[in-house]
Structures are given as structure tokens and as C-alpha cells.
């Protein structure tokens, strides 16, 4: 218990009851634990203020205190409050019956700009927090299901359909029809909305996420919308030039081989690559590969070698590390 209750409330010994109550209001607002949750010293100061006000606000207790000081309790007075000598004002939820101060009044009137604001609202927030009825949990969305689907290379370029079998958390199984969009890239995902796990509390169902894996093509390679294909040609076609047929995702096209073409030469065919759902189609790049006959007549081999020896160009002259 504080040695000097007047000093605790920051008033003089001749302070009127109104001055004591005014000082108490000011200090209680300053040190209230709800407004200083991380300050242990504030709680101690608030208890000291409570103890001092409990005595000085009661005319009989104040008279005894003025006469005997803080030892007045032991001068045949019995308990100071309902919880015995020195009991904390926090020991009962109703407060001390001799203290005629309402916490609603204590924090009202300091709104800082309008009725119903400031300390009054802060106090209501703290005191009503425990009495709020528990609100039902908001509906949550069901979990997503993930699935991997392997499709042919041509299906990722041209689009198509496939089926997948999924099993949900409740043990039910279902076969779903999946539409493969034209031009989808390897590793991309397709989302089937509302086909995943059901919500546990009435919310929307989750989705099914399908990762597309494309099988390799024996001849074609893809880079985004670009298609690359290796096109075998004969030695005669390379020497003389020719027109050859080449398959593409959009049908067979005629490719013109310039005379004197070498292996590794690339011919670009505009618009014959991958056609995605949006935007312009990509291009097709045909890389020429000269293929010699598997068997040569000995006489023909000798004649060909004799002809080629006339041309001693070094094809590796520009090769550098």
C-alpha cells in the first residue's frame, strides 16, 4: 500500500472530493492496463491509484487515514474492503462498493473528436471482447487435386481430348473428360474448376489441376510456337535442287530445295509452326540432311570420288574453339 495517498493521486491534503475524483479519472486513464498491455509498471501504478482513491473517496476512511496515516487499518478498523486488508482492487469483478466510479464514465468524455469515440470506444472494445458471441466459421474452399497427364506431342500442338480418373478424399472415384487446348506447352497446367475436394463446411469445392506432359516426337522439336524438323534429302536433290513434300501440323506442304544445298541448311516456312489459342502462329524451320545411298556400286563410288577430288574446298576452314 502506498505511503502517501495524496501524493499518489497528485493532489493536496485539502483537496475536495471533486478534485480527488478528477485526479483519479486522469491517472486511471493514464495507467489503465488495457491501454498499456506491455507495461508492467503501468499496472502497478494503476493499482496504487485504485488503493489511494478507495480510501480518499470514502469520508470515514479518509478521516482515519488523515489521523493515523497508512497504519489506520490496524487501528480497530477491520478490513478495508470485501477482500480483507490490502486486498487488490482487482480481486472481485464488481469493484469496491465504496468507490462510486463507473469505468464507462471514466473513459467517456475524452473522445478526442466526437461522441462515442476515443477512450470510451477503446474501453468498450476491451470489456466486451470476452462477451462477444462466437461467430460461426466462414465457409472455406475445398482443397485442390493435382493430376499429371501424358499426351502425344501432336495433341499439345493441335489440341484434343483425354480422360483422367480422380479419387477424392471421401473415397469416391470419378472419370473426368479433359479438353486439351490447341498449342498448350509441355509442363503447363489445365484447371477444372469446382471438380476438386468438397468444402468441409458448405463452401465451394476445390479445383483439379492437371499438369500436361508431352511425349517426344521422333522428328519434330518445339520451342514455344516454333517447330523444328530434320528433312532428309538425297545427294542428287542437294546438287540439282528439287521440290519435296514435307508434313506439318496443318497438312503437307511443298518445300523448294535450292541447288547446291548442304546438310545443316535451314529453310524457314512462315506460319507453319504452332498455332496457339491466341496470337499469330509460329514458323517451321526445316533442317536439311543429305543422305547417301546405303550401297554404292564400286564403279559409281570410284567415279564419284574422282569428281569430288577436283574440289578441294575445306569445309572446316572456319571451325574455331
Foldseek 3Di string as FASTA:
>chain_A
DDQDLCVLLVHDLPDDLVSSVVSLLVLCVVLPCLVVVPDPVSVVSNQSSLVSCLQCNAVVSSVLCVVPTPCSCVVPPWASFPVTPPDTQPPDPVGGPSDPDDVLVSQAPPQVDDHPHDSNVSVCCVVCVVVDPDDDDDFDEADEAEEEDEDEPLCLQQWDKDKDWDAAPVGDIDIDIDTRFHNHDQQAWDKAAQPHYGTPPPDGYGIYIYHYHYDDDPAWDDDRLEIEGEDEDEPCCQACWDWDWDAASVGIDIDTHDHNDAFQDKDKAAQRTGDGPDDGGGIYIYTYDYDYDPDDDPVRVVVVVVVCVVDPDDPCPVPDD
